Amino acid sequence: MLKWRSESALDLYNLAAAIFLLAAPWMFVRANPTAAIDLRLSGTAIAVLSLAAMIAFSVWEEWINLLVGGWLIVSPWLLGFTHTRAMHFSIVAGAVVMFMCLLELWLEYEKTHLGPAARASERK
């Protein structure tokens, strides 16, 4: 039986961002083919990692999602689809994914490192 973590809600938000990334090439009919491929591949990676994190959490999944979010922010300049709607969509989606990953990493760190210390100080 799977145990639902409260932090898994953040993975649901990342999954929603991935769904928008996967749908983005159809929203931008005249999008650069490179942008369409980038958005589809990034969306797929985020979706797979978010689902994996919901099923069996591991910190490395969040770190890879953080890197993919960073890639989404810089990819318009590296792949040459600047000054397009796809660029703005990629930057916003990357920022959202990075924020959710950083928040989840911080919550996990707080729970594992600061939680035991706080509980020990309460006992004294």
C-alpha atoms as a PDB file:
ATOM      1  CA  MET A   1       0.000   0.000   0.000  1.00  0.00           C
ATOM      2  CA  LEU A   2       1.323   3.424  -0.947  1.00  0.00           C
ATOM      3  CA  LYS A   3       1.783   6.016   1.754  1.00  0.00           C
ATOM      4  CA  TRP A   4       0.797   9.520   0.659  1.00  0.00           C
ATOM      5  CA  ARG A   5       3.311  12.172   1.691  1.00  0.00           C
ATOM      6  CA  SER A   6       2.088  15.716   2.148  1.00  0.00           C
ATOM      7  CA  GLU A   7       4.910  16.868  -0.137  1.00  0.00           C
ATOM      8  CA  SER A   8       3.462  14.773  -2.978  1.00  0.00           C
ATOM      9  CA  ALA A   9       1.067  17.620  -3.725  1.00  0.00           C
ATOM     10  CA  LEU A  10       4.065  19.489  -5.131  1.00  0.00           C
ATOM     11  CA  ASP A  11       4.707  16.554  -7.468  1.00  0.00           C
ATOM     12  CA  LEU A  12       1.104  16.876  -8.639  1.00  0.00           C
ATOM     13  CA  TYR A  13       1.780  20.509  -9.535  1.00  0.00           C
ATOM     14  CA  ASN A  14       4.878  19.452 -11.460  1.00  0.00           C
ATOM     15  CA  LEU A  15       2.782  16.829 -13.228  1.00  0.00           C
ATOM     16  CA  ALA A  16       0.287  19.530 -14.213  1.00  0.00           C
ATOM     17  CA  ALA A  17       3.160  21.656 -15.574  1.00  0.00           C
ATOM     18  CA  ALA A  18       4.351  18.639 -17.543  1.00  0.00           C
ATOM     19  CA  ILE A  19       0.901  18.166 -19.069  1.00  0.00           C
ATOM     20  CA  PHE A  20       0.911  21.815 -20.173  1.00  0.00           C
ATOM     21  CA  LEU A  21       4.386  21.329 -21.645  1.00  0.00           C
ATOM     22  CA  LEU A  22       3.194  18.297 -23.573  1.00  0.00           C
ATOM     23  CA  ALA A  23       0.201  20.268 -24.888  1.00  0.00           C
ATOM     24  CA  ALA A  24       2.229  23.396 -25.671  1.00  0.00           C
ATOM     25  CA  PRO A  25       3.294  22.462 -29.224  1.00  0.00           C
ATOM     26  CA  TRP A  26      -0.384  22.256 -30.222  1.00  0.00           C
ATOM     27  CA  MET A  27      -1.127  25.598 -28.593  1.00  0.00           C
ATOM     28  CA  PHE A  28       1.600  27.280 -30.644  1.00  0.00           C
ATOM     29  CA  VAL A  29       0.626  26.179 -34.151  1.00  0.00           C
ATOM     30  CA  ARG A  30       3.524  27.909 -35.832  1.00  0.00           C
ATOM     31  CA  ALA A  31       6.056  27.067 -33.145  1.00  0.00           C
ATOM     32  CA  ASN A  32       9.621  26.359 -34.027  1.00  0.00           C
ATOM     33  CA  PRO A  33      10.015  22.579 -34.529  1.00  0.00           C
ATOM     34  CA  THR A  34      12.998  22.649 -32.184  1.00  0.00           C
ATOM     35  CA  ALA A  35      10.863  24.302 -29.504  1.00  0.00           C
ATOM     36  CA  ALA A  36       8.146  21.677 -29.966  1.00  0.00           C
ATOM     37  CA  ILE A  37      10.624  18.821 -29.524  1.00  0.00           C
ATOM     38  CA  ASP A  38      12.217  20.511 -26.506  1.00  0.00           C
ATOM     39  CA  LEU A  39       8.860  21.119 -24.805  1.00  0.00           C
ATOM     40  CA  ARG A  40       7.682  17.553 -25.464  1.00  0.00           C
ATOM     41  CA  LEU A  41      10.895  15.936 -24.209  1.00  0.00           C
ATOM     42  CA  SER A  42      11.086  18.172 -21.135  1.00  0.00           C
ATOM     43  CA  GLY A  43       7.402  17.590 -20.374  1.00  0.00           C
ATOM     44  CA  THR A  44       7.852  13.841 -20.662  1.00  0.00           C
ATOM     45  CA  ALA A  45      10.869  13.864 -18.350  1.00  0.00           C
ATOM     46  CA  ILE A  46       9.072  15.970 -15.746  1.00  0.00           C
ATOM     47  CA  ALA A  47       5.947  13.793 -15.925  1.00  0.00           C
ATOM     48  CA  VAL A  48       7.892  10.544 -15.500  1.00  0.00           C
ATOM     49  CA  LEU A  49       9.962  11.895 -12.612  1.00  0.00           C
ATOM     50  CA  SER A  50       6.929  13.413 -10.877  1.00  0.00           C
ATOM     51  CA  LEU A  51       4.994  10.162 -11.117  1.00  0.00           C
ATOM     52  CA  ALA A  52       8.023   8.237  -9.846  1.00  0.00           C
ATOM     53  CA  ALA A  53       8.366  10.643  -6.918  1.00  0.00           C
ATOM     54  CA  MET A  54       4.710  10.132  -6.000  1.00  0.00           C
ATOM     55  CA  ILE A  55       5.054   6.350  -6.106  1.00  0.00           C
ATOM     56  CA  ALA A  56       8.463   5.943  -4.456  1.00  0.00           C
ATOM     57  CA  PHE A  57      10.078   9.198  -3.369  1.00  0.00           C
ATOM     58  CA  SER A  58      13.788   9.701  -3.694  1.00  0.00           C
ATOM     59  CA  VAL A  59      15.657  12.979  -3.493  1.00  0.00           C
ATOM     60  CA  TRP A  60      17.495  12.406  -6.786  1.00  0.00           C
ATOM     61  CA  GLU A  61      14.182  12.631  -8.681  1.00  0.00           C
ATOM     62  CA  GLU A  62      13.693  16.155  -7.413  1.00  0.00           C
ATOM     63  CA  TRP A  63      17.253  17.134  -8.307  1.00  0.00           C
ATOM     64  CA  ILE A  64      16.807  15.892 -11.877  1.00  0.00           C
ATOM     65  CA  ASN A  65      13.462  17.706 -12.159  1.00  0.00           C
ATOM     66  CA  LEU A  66      15.251  20.825 -10.891  1.00  0.00           C
ATOM     67  CA  LEU A  67      17.812  20.457 -13.693  1.00  0.00           C
ATOM     68  CA  VAL A  68      15.074  19.961 -16.294  1.00  0.00           C
ATOM     69  CA  GLY A  69      13.351  23.111 -15.015  1.00  0.00           C
ATOM     70  CA  GLY A  70      16.630  24.997 -15.362  1.00  0.00           C
ATOM     71  CA  TRP A  71      17.026  23.610 -18.857  1.00  0.00           C
ATOM     72  CA  LEU A  72      13.590  24.942 -19.779  1.00  0.00           C
ATOM     73  CA  ILE A  73      14.677  28.418 -18.706  1.00  0.00           C
ATOM     74  CA  VAL A  74      17.884  28.508 -20.777  1.00  0.00           C
ATOM     75  CA  SER A  75      16.824  26.350 -23.727  1.00  0.00           C
ATOM     76  CA  PRO A  76      15.224  29.145 -25.804  1.00  0.00           C
ATOM     77  CA  TRP A  77      18.610  30.830 -26.113  1.00  0.00           C
ATOM     78  CA  LEU A  78      20.584  27.625 -26.565  1.00  0.00           C
ATOM     79  CA  LEU A  79      18.201  26.120 -29.134  1.00  0.00           C
ATOM     80  CA  GLY A  80      17.312  29.336 -30.921  1.00  0.00           C
ATOM     81  CA  PHE A  81      13.637  29.948 -30.313  1.00  0.00           C
ATOM     82  CA  THR A  82      13.931  33.310 -28.601  1.00  0.00           C
ATOM     83  CA  HIS A  83      11.283  35.996 -29.101  1.00  0.00           C
ATOM     84  CA  THR A  84       8.493  33.458 -29.535  1.00  0.00           C
ATOM     85  CA  ARG A  85       5.505  32.523 -27.409  1.00  0.00           C
ATOM     86  CA  ALA A  86       7.138  29.153 -26.862  1.00  0.00           C
ATOM     87  CA  MET A  87      10.070  30.949 -25.223  1.00  0.00           C
ATOM     88  CA  HIS A  88       7.844  32.646 -22.669  1.00  0.00           C
ATOM     89  CA  PHE A  89       5.965  29.434 -21.990  1.00  0.00           C
ATOM     90  CA  SER A  90       9.222  27.529 -21.535  1.00  0.00           C
ATOM     91  CA  ILE A  91      10.626  30.092 -19.097  1.00  0.00           C
ATOM     92  CA  VAL A  92       7.466  30.240 -16.981  1.00  0.00           C
ATOM     93  CA  ALA A  93       7.069  26.446 -16.899  1.00  0.00           C
ATOM     94  CA  GLY A  94      10.743  26.040 -15.997  1.00  0.00           C
ATOM     95  CA  ALA A  95      10.438  28.573 -13.171  1.00  0.00           C
ATOM     96  CA  VAL A  96       7.333  26.825 -11.799  1.00  0.00           C
ATOM     97  CA  VAL A  97       9.003  23.399 -11.921  1.00  0.00           C
ATOM     98  CA  MET A  98      12.175  24.726 -10.287  1.00  0.00           C
ATOM     99  CA  PHE A  99      10.191  26.452  -7.530  1.00  0.00           C
ATOM    100  CA  MET A 100       8.191  23.299  -6.758  1.00  0.00           C
ATOM    101  CA  CYS A 101      11.338  21.162  -6.700  1.00  0.00           C
ATOM    102  CA  LEU A 102      13.228  23.580  -4.463  1.00  0.00           C
ATOM    103  CA  LEU A 103      10.267  23.781  -2.118  1.00  0.00           C
ATOM    104  CA  GLU A 104       9.984  20.008  -1.900  1.00  0.00           C
ATOM    105  CA  LEU A 105      13.736  19.604  -1.361  1.00  0.00           C
ATOM    106  CA  TRP A 106      13.609  22.202   1.414  1.00  0.00           C
ATOM    107  CA  LEU A 107      10.618  20.509   3.070  1.00  0.00           C
ATOM    108  CA  GLU A 108      12.361  17.127   2.933  1.00  0.00           C
ATOM    109  CA  TYR A 109      15.558  18.616   4.359  1.00  0.00           C
ATOM    110  CA  GLU A 110      13.628  20.300   7.139  1.00  0.00           C
ATOM    111  CA  LYS A 111      11.769  17.083   7.964  1.00  0.00           C
ATOM    112  CA  THR A 112      14.897  14.912   8.092  1.00  0.00           C
ATOM    113  CA  HIS A 113      17.457  17.331   9.528  1.00  0.00           C
ATOM    114  CA  LEU A 114      15.609  19.946  11.496  1.00  0.00           C
ATOM    115  CA  GLY A 115      12.671  17.815  12.606  1.00  0.00           C
ATOM    116  CA  PRO A 116      14.661  15.459  14.881  1.00  0.00           C
ATOM    117  CA  ALA A 117      16.527  18.388  16.462  1.00  0.00           C
ATOM    118  CA  ALA A 118      13.291  20.233  17.125  1.00  0.00           C
ATOM    119  CA  ARG A 119      11.723  17.147  18.676  1.00  0.00           C
ATOM    120  CA  ALA A 120      14.800  16.571  20.868  1.00  0.00           C
ATOM    121  CA  SER A 121      14.751  20.154  22.129  1.00  0.00           C
ATOM    122  CA  GLU A 122      11.039  19.862  22.972  1.00  0.00           C
ATOM    123  CA  ARG A 123      11.747  16.840  25.186  1.00  0.00           C
ATOM    124  CA  LYS A 124      14.276  18.720  27.311  1.00  0.00           C
END
